PDB file of N, CA and C in Angstrom:
ATOM      1  N   MET A   1      65.384  83.844  86.436  1.00  0.00           N
ATOM      2  CA  MET A   1      63.557  82.771  86.758  1.00  0.00           C
ATOM      3  C   MET A   1      64.544  81.658  85.258  1.00  0.00           C
ATOM      4  N   LYS A   2      64.374  80.787  86.396  1.00  0.00           N
ATOM      5  CA  LYS A   2      64.756  79.379  85.116  1.00  0.00           C
ATOM      6  C   LYS A   2      63.773  78.595  84.440  1.00  0.00           C
ATOM      7  N   SER A   3      63.819  78.510  83.370  1.00  0.00           N
ATOM      8  CA  SER A   3      62.845  78.037  82.443  1.00  0.00           C
ATOM      9  C   SER A   3      62.250  75.896  82.791  1.00  0.00           C
ATOM     10  N   ALA A   4      61.444  76.300  82.149  1.00  0.00           N
ATOM     11  CA  ALA A   4      60.955  74.732  82.795  1.00  0.00           C
ATOM     12  C   ALA A   4      61.489  73.863  81.771  1.00  0.00           C
ATOM     13  N   VAL A   5      61.510  72.575  81.825  1.00  0.00           N
ATOM     14  CA  VAL A   5      61.321  72.015  81.260  1.00  0.00           C
ATOM     15  C   VAL A   5      59.011  71.079  80.509  1.00  0.00           C
ATOM     16  N   ILE A   6      58.587  70.620  79.349  1.00  0.00           N
ATOM     17  CA  ILE A   6      57.900  70.421  79.900  1.00  0.00           C
ATOM     18  C   ILE A   6      57.863  68.399  79.445  1.00  0.00           C
ATOM     19  N   PRO A   7      56.334  67.630  80.079  1.00  0.00           N
ATOM     20  CA  PRO A   7      57.205  67.117  79.859  1.00  0.00           C
ATOM     21  C   PRO A   7      56.653  66.447  78.249  1.00  0.00           C
ATOM     22  N   GLN A   8      58.303  64.946  77.799  1.00  0.00           N
ATOM     23  CA  GLN A   8      57.411  64.520  76.142  1.00  0.00           C
ATOM     24  C   GLN A   8      56.797  63.878  76.326  1.00  0.00           C
ATOM     25  N   VAL A   9      55.662  64.748  75.069  1.00  0.00           N
ATOM     26  CA  VAL A   9      55.324  63.544  74.507  1.00  0.00           C
ATOM     27  C   VAL A   9      54.679  62.517  73.409  1.00  0.00           C
ATOM     28  N   ARG A  10      54.362  61.504  73.819  1.00  0.00           N
ATOM     29  CA  ARG A  10      54.487  60.375  72.605  1.00  0.00           C
ATOM     30  C   ARG A  10      53.315  60.282  71.708  1.00  0.00           C
ATOM     31  N   VAL A  11      53.461  60.233  69.949  1.00  0.00           N
ATOM     32  CA  VAL A  11      52.381  60.089  69.230  1.00  0.00           C
ATOM     33  C   VAL A  11      53.049  58.811  68.162  1.00  0.00           C
ATOM     34  N   GLU A  12      51.393  59.351  67.442  1.00  0.00           N
ATOM     35  CA  GLU A  12      51.689  58.109  66.614  1.00  0.00           C
ATOM     36  C   GLU A  12      52.749  58.572  65.299  1.00  0.00           C
ATOM     37  N   PRO A  13      53.493  57.940  64.179  1.00  0.00           N
ATOM     38  CA  PRO A  13      54.547  58.381  63.672  1.00  0.00           C
ATOM     39  C   PRO A  13      53.403  59.958  63.078  1.00  0.00           C
ATOM     40  N   GLU A  14      52.547  59.024  62.527  1.00  0.00           N
ATOM     41  CA  GLU A  14      51.081  59.458  61.258  1.00  0.00           C
ATOM     42  C   GLU A  14      51.336  61.411  61.571  1.00  0.00           C
ATOM     43  N   LEU A  15      50.577  61.584  62.728  1.00  0.00           N
ATOM     44  CA  LEU A  15      50.838  62.098  63.860  1.00  0.00           C
ATOM     45  C   LEU A  15      52.263  63.313  63.689  1.00  0.00           C
ATOM     46  N   ARG A  16      52.959  62.554  64.518  1.00  0.00           N
ATOM     47  CA  ARG A  16      54.443  63.802  63.737  1.00  0.00           C
ATOM     48  C   ARG A  16      54.538  64.118  61.921  1.00  0.00           C
ATOM     49  N   ALA A  17      53.993  63.824  61.442  1.00  0.00           N
ATOM     50  CA  ALA A  17      54.363  63.766  60.394  1.00  0.00           C
ATOM     51  C   ALA A  17      53.418  64.753  59.798  1.00  0.00           C
ATOM     52  N   GLU A  18      52.106  64.875  60.174  1.00  0.00           N
ATOM     53  CA  GLU A  18      51.139  65.936  59.938  1.00  0.00           C
ATOM     54  C   GLU A  18      51.571  67.160  60.687  1.00  0.00           C
ATOM     55  N   LEU A  19      52.402  67.323  61.886  1.00  0.00           N
ATOM     56  CA  LEU A  19      53.026  68.179  62.722  1.00  0.00           C
ATOM     57  C   LEU A  19      53.995  68.516  62.470  1.00  0.00           C
ATOM     58  N   GLU A  20      55.393  68.022  61.207  1.00  0.00           N
ATOM     59  CA  GLU A  20      55.930  68.077  60.497  1.00  0.00           C
ATOM     60  C   GLU A  20      55.926  69.171  59.141  1.00  0.00           C
ATOM     61  N   ALA A  21      54.871  68.622  58.991  1.00  0.00           N
ATOM     62  CA  ALA A  21      53.985  69.288  57.368  1.00  0.00           C
ATOM     63  C   ALA A  21      53.862  71.021  57.739  1.00  0.00           C
ATOM     64  N   VAL A  22      52.907  70.841  58.527  1.00  0.00           N
ATOM     65  CA  VAL A  22      52.585  72.370  58.570  1.00  0.00           C
ATOM     66  C   VAL A  22      52.967  73.674  59.417  1.00  0.00           C
ATOM     67  N   LEU A  23      54.638  72.845  60.203  1.00  0.00           N
ATOM     68  CA  LEU A  23      55.659  73.843  60.483  1.00  0.00           C
ATOM     69  C   LEU A  23      55.801  75.089  59.015  1.00  0.00           C
ATOM     70  N   HIS A  24      55.736  75.995  60.058  1.00  0.00           N
ATOM     71  CA  HIS A  24      56.111  77.201  58.610  1.00  0.00           C
ATOM     72  C   HIS A  24      57.576  77.392  58.182  1.00  0.00           C
ATOM     73  N   GLN A  25      58.160  78.087  57.553  1.00  0.00           N
ATOM     74  CA  GLN A  25      59.590  78.088  57.048  1.00  0.00           C
ATOM     75  C   GLN A  25      60.680  78.617  58.868  1.00  0.00           C
ATOM     76  N   GLY A  26      61.778  78.158  59.062  1.00  0.00           N
ATOM     77  CA  GLY A  26      62.524  78.344  60.065  1.00  0.00           C
ATOM     78  C   GLY A  26      61.564  77.639  61.675  1.00  0.00           C
ATOM     79  N   GLU A  27      60.727  77.729  61.498  1.00  0.00           N
ATOM     80  CA  GLU A  27      59.571  77.053  62.972  1.00  0.00           C
ATOM     81  C   GLU A  27      59.792  76.030  63.260  1.00  0.00           C
ATOM     82  N   THR A  28      60.917  75.626  64.747  1.00  0.00           N
ATOM     83  CA  THR A  28      61.196  74.148  65.270  1.00  0.00           C
ATOM     84  C   THR A  28      59.272  73.843  65.660  1.00  0.00           C
ATOM     85  N   LEU A  29      59.904  72.441  66.356  1.00  0.00           N
ATOM     86  CA  LEU A  29      59.062  71.818  66.581  1.00  0.00           C
ATOM     87  C   LEU A  29      58.761  72.215  67.477  1.00  0.00           C
ATOM     88  N   SER A  30      59.613  72.132  68.886  1.00  0.00           N
ATOM     89  CA  SER A  30      59.534  73.132  69.816  1.00  0.00           C
ATOM     90  C   SER A  30      58.734  74.556  69.683  1.00  0.00           C
ATOM     91  N   GLU A  31      58.496  75.228  68.992  1.00  0.00           N
ATOM     92  CA  GLU A  31      58.442  76.784  68.787  1.00  0.00           C
ATOM     93  C   GLU A  31      56.812  76.043  69.092  1.00  0.00           C
ATOM     94  N   PHE A  32      56.590  75.313  67.838  1.00  0.00           N
ATOM     95  CA  PHE A  32      55.018  75.899  67.485  1.00  0.00           C
ATOM     96  C   PHE A  32      54.747  74.904  68.788  1.00  0.00           C
ATOM     97  N   VAL A  33      54.590  73.530  69.918  1.00  0.00           N
ATOM     98  CA  VAL A  33      54.191  73.016  71.335  1.00  0.00           C
ATOM     99  C   VAL A  33      55.080  73.845  71.754  1.00  0.00           C
ATOM    100  N   GLU A  34      55.506  75.005  72.177  1.00  0.00           N
ATOM    101  CA  GLU A  34      55.615  76.036  73.352  1.00  0.00           C
ATOM    102  C   GLU A  34      53.939  76.724  73.010  1.00  0.00           C
ATOM    103  N   ALA A  35      53.722  77.532  71.308  1.00  0.00           N
ATOM    104  CA  ALA A  35      53.194  78.658  70.726  1.00  0.00           C
ATOM    105  C   ALA A  35      51.243  77.407  71.881  1.00  0.00           C
ATOM    106  N   SER A  36      51.456  76.109  70.644  1.00  0.00           N
ATOM    107  CA  SER A  36      50.376  75.539  71.103  1.00  0.00           C
ATOM    108  C   SER A  36      49.879  75.287  72.468  1.00  0.00           C
ATOM    109  N   VAL A  37      50.609  75.548  73.764  1.00  0.00           N
ATOM    110  CA  VAL A  37      50.710  75.556  74.551  1.00  0.00           C
ATOM    111  C   VAL A  37      50.169  76.468  75.249  1.00  0.00           C
ATOM    112  N   ARG A  38      50.843  77.856  74.878  1.00  0.00           N
ATOM    113  CA  ARG A  38      50.132  78.762  75.460  1.00  0.00           C
ATOM    114  C   ARG A  38      48.698  79.812  75.129  1.00  0.00           C
ATOM    115  N   ASN A  39      48.516  79.080  73.871  1.00  0.00           N
ATOM    116  CA  ASN A  39      47.102  79.280  73.258  1.00  0.00           C
ATOM    117  C   ASN A  39      46.144  78.591  73.883  1.00  0.00           C
ATOM    118  N   ALA A  40      46.044  76.571  73.838  1.00  0.00           N
ATOM    119  CA  ALA A  40      45.731  75.901  74.921  1.00  0.00           C
ATOM    120  C   ALA A  40      45.482  77.084  76.184  1.00  0.00           C
ATOM    121  N   VAL A  41      46.399  77.145  77.328  1.00  0.00           N
ATOM    122  CA  VAL A  41      46.094  77.818  78.312  1.00  0.00           C
ATOM    123  C   VAL A  41      45.647  78.969  78.206  1.00  0.00           C
ATOM    124  N   GLY A  42      45.386  79.627  77.763  1.00  0.00           N
ATOM    125  CA  GLY A  42      44.280  81.111  77.394  1.00  0.00           C
ATOM    126  C   GLY A  42      43.037  81.209  76.707  1.00  0.00           C
ATOM    127  N   PHE A  43      42.854  79.549  75.991  1.00  0.00           N
ATOM    128  CA  PHE A  43      41.853  79.505  76.054  1.00  0.00           C
ATOM    129  C   PHE A  43      41.288  78.835  77.351  1.00  0.00           C
ATOM    130  N   ARG A  44      41.671  78.484  77.726  1.00  0.00           N
ATOM    131  CA  ARG A  44      41.509  77.590  78.968  1.00  0.00           C
ATOM    132  C   ARG A  44      40.644  78.432  80.585  1.00  0.00           C
ATOM    133  N   ARG A  45      41.119  79.660  80.525  1.00  0.00           N
ATOM    134  CA  ARG A  45      41.366  80.627  80.695  1.00  0.00           C
ATOM    135  C   ARG A  45      40.176  81.458  80.925  1.00  0.00           C
ATOM    136  N   VAL A  46      39.771  81.798  79.308  1.00  0.00           N
ATOM    137  CA  VAL A  46      38.626  82.279  78.943  1.00  0.00           C
ATOM    138  C   VAL A  46      37.626  81.174  79.738  1.00  0.00           C
ATOM    139  N   GLN A  47      38.121  80.354  78.980  1.00  0.00           N
ATOM    140  CA  GLN A  47      36.569  79.250  79.327  1.00  0.00           C
ATOM    141  C   GLN A  47      36.587  79.696  80.352  1.00  0.00           C
ATOM    142  N   MET A  48      37.398  78.960  81.555  1.00  0.00           N
ATOM    143  CA  MET A  48      37.362  78.956  83.344  1.00  0.00           C
ATOM    144  C   MET A  48      36.285  80.636  83.238  1.00  0.00           C
ATOM    145  N   ARG A  49      36.385  81.998  83.474  1.00  0.00           N
ATOM    146  CA  ARG A  49      36.497  82.942  83.080  1.00  0.00           C
ATOM    147  C   ARG A  49      34.505  82.890  82.766  1.00  0.00           C
ATOM    148  N   PHE A  50      34.656  82.627  81.885  1.00  0.00           N
ATOM    149  CA  PHE A  50      33.667  82.541  81.251  1.00  0.00           C
ATOM    150  C   PHE A  50      32.193  81.663  82.275  1.00  0.00           C
ATOM    151  N   HIS A  51      32.934  80.789  82.639  1.00  0.00           N
ATOM    152  CA  HIS A  51      31.841  79.593  83.395  1.00  0.00           C
ATOM    153  C   HIS A  51      31.725  80.741  85.034  1.00  0.00           C
ATOM    154  N   GLU A  52      32.841  81.186  85.684  1.00  0.00           N
ATOM    155  CA  GLU A  52      32.658  82.542  86.041  1.00  0.00           C
ATOM    156  C   GLU A  52      32.157  82.327  86.486  1.00  0.00           C
ATOM    157  N   ARG A  53      31.892  83.780  84.847  1.00  0.00           N
ATOM    158  CA  ARG A  53      30.426  84.904  85.228  1.00  0.00           C
ATOM    159  C   ARG A  53      29.379  83.833  85.119  1.00  0.00           C
ATOM    160  N   GLY A  54      29.475  83.340  84.150  1.00  0.00           N
ATOM    161  CA  GLY A  54      27.378  83.122  84.354  1.00  0.00           C
ATOM    162  C   GLY A  54      27.189  82.096  85.572  1.00  0.00           C
ATOM    163  N   GLN A  55      28.420  81.686  86.549  1.00  0.00           N
ATOM    164  CA  GLN A  55      27.688  80.939  87.977  1.00  0.00           C
ATOM    165  C   GLN A  55      27.691  81.847  88.380  1.00  0.00           C
ATOM    166  N   ALA A  56      28.199  83.587  88.716  1.00  0.00           N
ATOM    167  CA  ALA A  56      27.854  84.368  89.406  1.00  0.00           C
ATOM    168  C   ALA A  56      26.281  84.558  88.645  1.00  0.00           C
ATOM    169  N   ALA A  57      26.156  84.913  87.662  1.00  0.00           N
ATOM    170  CA  ALA A  57      24.531  85.046  86.932  1.00  0.00           C
ATOM    171  C   ALA A  57      23.702  84.917  87.621  1.00  0.00           C
ATOM    172  N   TRP A  58      24.323  83.695  87.423  1.00  0.00           N
ATOM    173  CA  TRP A  58      22.588  82.277  87.608  1.00  0.00           C
ATOM    174  C   TRP A  58      22.328  82.611  89.287  1.00  0.00           C
ATOM    175  N   GLU A  59      23.885  82.276  90.304  1.00  0.00           N
ATOM    176  CA  GLU A  59      23.221  83.280  91.675  1.00  0.00           C
ATOM    177  C   GLU A  59      22.566  84.166  91.857  1.00  0.00           C
ATOM    178  N   HIS A  60      23.287  85.426  91.117  1.00  0.00           N
ATOM    179  CA  HIS A  60      22.791  86.516  91.644  1.00  0.00           C
ATOM    180  C   HIS A  60      20.705  86.315  90.699  1.00  0.00           C
ATOM    181  N   TYR A  61      20.763  85.410  90.112  1.00  0.00           N
ATOM    182  CA  TYR A  61      19.121  85.805  89.120  1.00  0.00           C
ATOM    183  C   TYR A  61      18.719  85.261  90.846  1.00  0.00           C
ATOM    184  N   GLN A  62      19.655  83.541  90.999  1.00  0.00           N
ATOM    185  CA  GLN A  62      18.590  82.469  92.213  1.00  0.00           C
ATOM    186  C   GLN A  62      18.003  83.406  92.655  1.00  0.00           C
ATOM    187  N   SER A  63      18.781  84.956  93.592  1.00  0.00           N
ATOM    188  CA  SER A  63      19.085  85.524  94.865  1.00  0.00           C
ATOM    189  C   SER A  63      18.294  86.271  94.387  1.00  0.00           C
ATOM    190  N   THR A  64      18.623  87.407  93.480  1.00  0.00           N
ATOM    191  CA  THR A  64      17.025  88.641  93.232  1.00  0.00           C
ATOM    192  C   THR A  64      15.524  88.396  91.900  1.00  0.00           C
ATOM    193  N   GLY A  65      15.518  87.048  91.977  1.00  0.00           N
ATOM    194  CA  GLY A  65      14.766  86.487  90.538  1.00  0.00           C
ATOM    195  C   GLY A  65      14.499  87.910  89.154  1.00  0.00           C
ATOM    196  N   VAL A  66      16.158  88.085  89.292  1.00  0.00           N
ATOM    197  CA  VAL A  66      16.495  89.711  88.261  1.00  0.00           C
ATOM    198  C   VAL A  66      16.318  88.602  87.335  1.00  0.00           C
ATOM    199  N   SER A  67      15.925  89.546  85.683  1.00  0.00           N
ATOM    200  CA  SER A  67      16.728  88.246  84.316  1.00  0.00           C
ATOM    201  C   SER A  67      16.595  89.480  83.615  1.00  0.00           C
ATOM    202  N   VAL A  68      18.294  89.954  82.495  1.00  0.00           N
ATOM    203  CA  VAL A  68      17.751  90.421  81.283  1.00  0.00           C
ATOM    204  C   VAL A  68      17.033  89.388  80.742  1.00  0.00           C
ATOM    205  N   SER A  69      15.697  89.479  79.744  1.00  0.00           N
ATOM    206  CA  SER A  69      15.677  88.742  78.507  1.00  0.00           C
ATOM    207  C   SER A  69      16.463  88.507  77.580  1.00  0.00           C
ATOM    208  N   ALA A  70      16.696  87.795  76.527  1.00  0.00           N
ATOM    209  CA  ALA A  70      18.136  86.646  75.184  1.00  0.00           C
ATOM    210  C   ALA A  70      17.272  88.225  74.628  1.00  0.00           C
ATOM    211  N   ASP A  71      16.114  88.913  74.588  1.00  0.00           N
ATOM    212  CA  ASP A  71      16.257  90.175  72.998  1.00  0.00           C
ATOM    213  C   ASP A  71      16.940  91.006  73.474  1.00  0.00           C
ATOM    214  N   GLU A  72      16.410  91.251  75.116  1.00  0.00           N
ATOM    215  CA  GLU A  72      17.636  93.136  75.561  1.00  0.00           C
ATOM    216  C   GLU A  72      19.107  91.930  75.364  1.00  0.00           C
ATOM    217  N   VAL A  73      19.543  91.693  75.884  1.00  0.00           N
ATOM    218  CA  VAL A  73      21.451  90.477  75.235  1.00  0.00           C
ATOM    219  C   VAL A  73      20.873  91.114  74.273  1.00  0.00           C
ATOM    220  N   LEU A  74      21.367  90.432  73.014  1.00  0.00           N
ATOM    221  CA  LEU A  74      21.061  90.039  71.321  1.00  0.00           C
ATOM    222  C   LEU A  74      21.055  91.908  71.143  1.00  0.00           C
ATOM    223  N   ALA A  75      19.769  92.227  71.519  1.00  0.00           N
ATOM    224  CA  ALA A  75      20.852  94.163  71.218  1.00  0.00           C
ATOM    225  C   ALA A  75      20.887  94.916  71.770  1.00  0.00           C
ATOM    226  N   LYS A  76      21.544  94.201  73.094  1.00  0.00           N
ATOM    227  CA  LYS A  76      22.916  95.777  73.778  1.00  0.00           C
ATOM    228  C   LYS A  76      23.819  94.604  72.914  1.00  0.00           C
ATOM    229  N   LEU A  77      24.501  93.417  72.330  1.00  0.00           N
ATOM    230  CA  LEU A  77      25.318  93.258  71.912  1.00  0.00           C
ATOM    231  C   LEU A  77      25.452  93.248  70.287  1.00  0.00           C
ATOM    232  N   GLN A  78      23.970  93.092  69.946  1.00  0.00           N
ATOM    233  CA  GLN A  78      23.889  94.518  68.116  1.00  0.00           C
ATOM    234  C   GLN A  78      24.115  95.724  67.921  1.00  0.00           C
ATOM    235  N   ALA A  79      24.166  96.669  69.249  1.00  0.00           N
ATOM    236  CA  ALA A  79      24.900  97.878  69.195  1.00  0.00           C
ATOM    237  C   ALA A  79      26.602  97.862  69.505  1.00  0.00           C
ATOM    238  N   ARG A  80      26.853  96.826  70.042  1.00  0.00           N
ATOM    239  CA  ARG A  80      28.054  96.987  69.717  1.00  0.00           C
ATOM    240  C   ARG A  80      29.014  96.685  69.397  1.00  0.00           C
ATOM    241  N   LEU A  81      28.341  95.529  68.421  1.00  0.00           N
ATOM    242  CA  LEU A  81      28.744  95.534  67.445  1.00  0.00           C
ATOM    243  C   LEU A  81      28.576  96.257  65.915  1.00  0.00           C
ATOM    244  N   ASN A  82      27.420  96.491  65.598  1.00  0.00           N
ATOM    245  CA  ASN A  82      27.371  98.114  64.993  1.00  0.00           C
ATOM    246  C   ASN A  82      28.834  98.622  64.914  1.00  0.00           C
ATOM    247  N   ALA A  83      28.458  99.736  67.058  1.00  0.00           N
ATOM    248  CA  ALA A  83      29.241 100.883  67.622  1.00  0.00           C
ATOM    249  C   ALA A  83      30.481 100.628  66.827  1.00  0.00           C
ATOM    250  N   LYS A  84      31.260  99.139  66.804  1.00  0.00           N
ATOM    251  CA  LYS A  84      32.798  98.750  66.660  1.00  0.00           C
ATOM    252  C   LYS A  84      32.621  98.551  65.712  1.00  0.00           C
ATOM    253  N   ARG A  85      31.926  97.995  64.290  1.00  0.00           N
ATOM    254  CA  ARG A  85      32.351  98.005  62.576  1.00  0.00           C
ATOM    255  C   ARG A  85      32.378  99.698  62.866  1.00  0.00           C
ATOM    256  N   LYS A  86      31.518 100.526  62.927  1.00  0.00           N
ATOM    257  CA  LYS A  86      31.153 101.891  62.731  1.00  0.00           C
ATOM    258  C   LYS A  86      32.580 102.763  62.316  1.00  0.00           C
ATOM    259  N   GLN A  87      33.345 102.058  63.642  1.00  0.00           N
ATOM    260  CA  GLN A  87      34.825 102.336  65.001  1.00  0.00           C
ATOM    261  C   GLN A  87      35.787 102.440  63.062  1.00  0.00           C
ATOM    262  N   ILE A  88      35.881 101.328  63.005  1.00  0.00           N
ATOM    263  CA  ILE A  88      36.260 100.711  61.993  1.00  0.00           C
ATOM    264  C   ILE A  88      36.126 100.730  60.837  1.00  0.00           C
ATOM    265  N   GLY A  89      35.161 101.375  60.142  1.00  0.00           N
ATOM    266  CA  GLY A  89      34.915 102.099  59.300  1.00  0.00           C
ATOM    267  C   GLY A  89      33.919 100.877  58.099  1.00  0.00           C
ATOM    268  N   GLY A  90      33.316  99.461  58.559  1.00  0.00           N
ATOM    269  CA  GLY A  90      32.926  98.137  58.373  1.00  0.00           C
ATOM    270  C   GLY A  90      31.107  98.535  57.729  1.00  0.00           C
TER     271      GLY A  90
END
């Protein structure tokens, strides 16, 4: 599969200087931009899935009237956190 090129982005010289100042030893600007784009795409996917789950939950609630209280949700999350901490020895 052929690789594709991401369009060039014009930035102020100050931003370019800041960017170059935070590059790791041996890291290129292109590598940094690619990693940043990959991270942004991943974050957007997580956001989209979160929104989709929220929308589905809202639609389920509207059609059934069944919901879970905030206290129940927090208790389940706390239990999951406690189990994970126990698993990793924390």
